[in-house]
Amino acid sequence: MKTFLISDTHFGHQGVCNFLRDDNTKLRPWTTADSMDEDLVKNWNSVVSPKDRVYHLGDVVINRKALKILSRLNGRKVLIKGNHDIFKLHDYVPYFDDIRGYHVLEDCLLSHIPVHESNLYRWKYNIHGHLHHRRVLDSSNNTHPKYYNVSVECVDYIPVEWNSLKKELEHAVL
């Protein structure tokens, strides 16, 4: 069994297909939510097996009709609720083994929104979403080594495997 992380899939969200980066290039390569959803499902299932654990760090679907897509995703899923996960708990329960506000995995905080830097001392790293293509920056305007964004735009639209991510984080801090 492997463990994976991902965030901000926004299944069913037509609007996210029109979002732009600061340089006015498209945030996501799709023109329709349907084509985005199909590619995200394909990418997910290409790496996640039915017995794997997946922590989805929020903003999983945008509309109710997209909830059914979750049944097509491999893995035993845990939802860390995001700001767009607005439906009642019973709407998510059929698709997730657990639903949380945050989770601690091997001394790393998994959250949707990055925790404030003044509270980061409690954990080794903060794995988060919410920022889409952006990264948390340090005081020198460099990517902060204690934060890692698993929004789909930062992980090539494929869930990232936990052991690989840990190695990358440890290498970055060395």
Protein backbone atom coordinates (compact mmCIF):
# COMPACT_ATOMS: atom_id res chain seq x y z
CA MET A 1 0.00 0.00 0.00
CA LYS A 2 1.27 3.45 -0.95
CA THR A 3 0.17 6.87 0.24
CA PHE A 4 -0.56 9.74 -2.14
CA LEU A 5 -1.42 13.43 -1.79
CA ILE A 6 -3.23 15.85 -4.08
CA SER A 7 -5.33 19.00 -3.78
CA ASP A 8 -7.61 21.32 -5.70
CA THR A 9 -8.94 18.94 -8.34
CA HIS A 10 -12.06 21.13 -8.62
CA PHE A 11 -13.98 18.35 -10.38
CA GLY A 12 -16.91 19.79 -12.31
CA HIS A 13 -15.61 23.37 -12.23
CA GLN A 14 -15.93 24.94 -15.67
CA GLY A 15 -14.62 28.27 -14.40
CA VAL A 16 -11.21 26.91 -13.38
CA CYS A 17 -10.62 26.04 -17.05
CA ASN A 18 -10.67 29.79 -17.73
CA PHE A 19 -8.44 30.92 -14.84
CA LEU A 20 -5.24 32.72 -15.81
CA ARG A 21 -1.79 32.93 -14.27
CA ASP A 22 -0.21 36.31 -13.53
CA ASP A 23 1.34 36.28 -17.01
CA ASN A 24 -2.12 35.74 -18.60
CA THR A 25 -1.43 32.14 -19.63
CA LYS A 26 -4.09 29.55 -18.84
CA LEU A 27 -3.83 27.97 -15.41
CA ARG A 28 -5.09 24.59 -16.68
CA PRO A 29 -4.74 23.18 -20.19
CA TRP A 30 -8.41 22.19 -20.65
CA THR A 31 -11.26 24.12 -22.24
CA THR A 32 -14.09 22.13 -20.61
CA ALA A 33 -14.67 20.71 -17.16
CA ASP A 34 -15.68 17.38 -18.69
CA SER A 35 -12.33 16.93 -20.48
CA MET A 36 -10.46 18.11 -17.36
CA ASP A 37 -12.38 15.67 -15.16
CA GLU A 38 -11.70 12.73 -17.48
CA ASP A 39 -7.97 13.47 -17.65
CA LEU A 40 -7.74 13.95 -13.87
CA VAL A 41 -9.47 10.59 -13.29
CA LYS A 42 -7.15 8.89 -15.79
CA ASN A 43 -4.05 10.48 -14.23
CA TRP A 44 -5.18 9.55 -10.69
CA ASN A 45 -5.92 5.93 -11.56
CA SER A 46 -2.65 5.57 -13.47
CA VAL A 47 -0.70 5.80 -10.19
CA VAL A 48 -3.17 4.97 -7.39
CA SER A 49 -4.27 1.37 -6.83
CA PRO A 50 -7.53 0.44 -5.06
CA LYS A 51 -5.68 -0.37 -1.80
CA ASP A 52 -3.58 2.81 -1.70
CA ARG A 53 -4.36 5.69 0.67
CA VAL A 54 -4.97 9.14 -0.84
CA TYR A 55 -5.15 12.35 1.17
CA HIS A 56 -7.07 14.92 -0.86
CA LEU A 57 -6.21 18.30 0.64
CA GLY A 58 -9.40 20.05 -0.27
CA ASP A 59 -11.47 21.63 -3.01
CA VAL A 60 -12.33 18.23 -4.44
CA VAL A 61 -15.52 19.09 -6.35
CA ILE A 62 -17.29 22.34 -7.08
CA ASN A 63 -20.83 21.16 -7.83
CA ARG A 64 -22.97 18.30 -6.56
CA LYS A 65 -23.25 16.53 -9.89
CA ALA A 66 -19.45 16.12 -9.91
CA LEU A 67 -19.52 14.17 -6.62
CA LYS A 68 -20.25 10.95 -8.53
CA ILE A 69 -16.85 11.26 -10.25
CA LEU A 70 -15.26 10.41 -6.89
CA SER A 71 -16.56 6.83 -7.12
CA ARG A 72 -14.32 6.35 -10.18
CA LEU A 73 -11.12 7.23 -8.31
CA ASN A 74 -8.93 4.41 -7.01
CA GLY A 75 -7.77 4.31 -3.43
CA ARG A 76 -8.98 4.67 0.10
CA LYS A 77 -9.53 8.41 0.30
CA VAL A 78 -9.36 10.93 3.15
CA LEU A 79 -10.67 14.44 2.54
CA ILE A 80 -9.02 17.36 4.29
CA LYS A 81 -11.80 19.90 3.74
CA GLY A 82 -11.03 23.02 1.75
CA ASN A 83 -12.81 26.32 1.43
CA HIS A 84 -14.86 25.06 -1.56
CA ASP A 85 -15.88 21.78 0.13
CA ILE A 86 -19.20 23.28 1.16
CA PHE A 87 -21.63 20.37 0.99
CA LYS A 88 -23.02 18.53 3.98
CA LEU A 89 -20.90 15.79 5.48
CA HIS A 90 -23.31 13.09 4.28
CA ASP A 91 -22.66 14.16 0.67
CA TYR A 92 -18.96 13.27 0.99
CA VAL A 93 -19.22 10.19 3.22
CA PRO A 94 -19.92 7.68 0.39
CA TYR A 95 -16.59 8.54 -1.24
CA PHE A 96 -14.19 9.03 1.68
CA ASP A 97 -13.01 6.81 4.53
CA ASP A 98 -12.56 9.91 6.69
CA ILE A 99 -13.14 13.66 6.47
CA ARG A 100 -11.01 16.05 8.51
CA GLY A 101 -10.01 19.67 8.96
CA TYR A 102 -6.33 18.69 8.93
CA HIS A 103 -4.16 15.60 9.44
CA VAL A 104 -0.67 14.98 10.81
CA LEU A 105 1.34 12.45 8.80
CA GLU A 106 4.80 11.58 10.12
CA ASP A 107 5.19 14.96 11.85
CA CYS A 108 4.00 16.84 8.76
CA LEU A 109 0.83 18.91 8.78
CA LEU A 110 -1.57 18.21 5.92
CA SER A 111 -3.94 21.14 5.45
CA HIS A 112 -5.84 22.85 2.69
CA ILE A 113 -4.70 26.40 3.42
CA PRO A 114 -1.03 26.81 4.41
CA VAL A 115 -0.57 27.29 8.14
CA HIS A 116 0.87 30.63 9.21
CA GLU A 117 4.66 30.54 9.48
CA SER A 118 4.52 31.47 13.18
CA ASN A 119 2.85 28.09 13.84
CA LEU A 120 5.07 26.02 11.56
CA TYR A 121 7.52 25.18 14.38
CA ARG A 122 5.04 22.51 15.50
CA TRP A 123 5.61 20.38 12.39
CA LYS A 124 8.47 19.35 10.16
CA TYR A 125 6.65 20.51 7.00
CA ASN A 126 3.27 21.83 5.93
CA ILE A 127 1.88 19.99 2.92
CA HIS A 128 -1.03 22.04 1.58
CA GLY A 129 -3.10 23.09 -1.40
CA HIS A 130 -5.27 26.17 -1.96
CA LEU A 131 -2.66 28.27 -3.77
CA HIS A 132 -3.01 26.46 -7.10
CA HIS A 133 0.19 27.31 -9.04
CA ARG A 134 1.68 29.56 -6.37
CA ARG A 135 4.18 28.59 -3.66
CA VAL A 136 4.70 29.93 -0.15
CA LEU A 137 7.72 32.25 -0.22
CA ASP A 138 10.26 33.00 2.50
CA SER A 139 11.48 36.47 3.51
CA SER A 140 13.98 36.44 0.61
CA ASN A 141 11.17 35.74 -1.89
CA ASN A 142 12.37 32.17 -2.50
CA THR A 143 10.19 29.08 -2.23
CA HIS A 144 9.90 28.33 1.49
CA PRO A 145 11.52 24.92 2.14
CA LYS A 146 9.05 23.98 4.89
CA TYR A 147 5.94 24.25 2.67
CA TYR A 148 4.94 22.03 -0.22
CA ASN A 149 1.95 22.73 -2.45
CA VAL A 150 0.19 19.62 -3.83
CA SER A 151 -2.42 21.55 -5.83
CA VAL A 152 -2.84 19.74 -9.13
CA GLU A 153 -1.07 22.55 -11.00
CA CYS A 154 2.08 21.97 -8.92
CA VAL A 155 2.14 18.16 -9.23
CA ASP A 156 1.50 17.82 -12.97
CA TYR A 157 -2.16 16.89 -12.36
CA ILE A 158 -1.17 13.51 -10.83
CA PRO A 159 -1.29 12.51 -7.15
CA VAL A 160 2.20 12.65 -5.64
CA GLU A 161 3.48 9.59 -3.78
CA TRP A 162 4.32 10.30 -0.13
CA ASN A 163 7.68 8.50 0.05
CA SER A 164 8.92 10.33 -3.05
CA LEU A 165 7.72 13.63 -1.64
CA LYS A 166 9.50 13.02 1.69
CA LYS A 167 12.77 12.40 -0.17
CA GLU A 168 12.29 15.58 -2.18
CA LEU A 169 11.57 17.62 0.95
CA GLU A 170 14.55 16.25 2.84
CA HIS A 171 16.83 16.85 -0.13
CA ALA A 172 15.59 20.46 -0.45
CA VAL A 173 16.37 21.22 3.19
CA LEU A 174 19.87 19.71 3.14
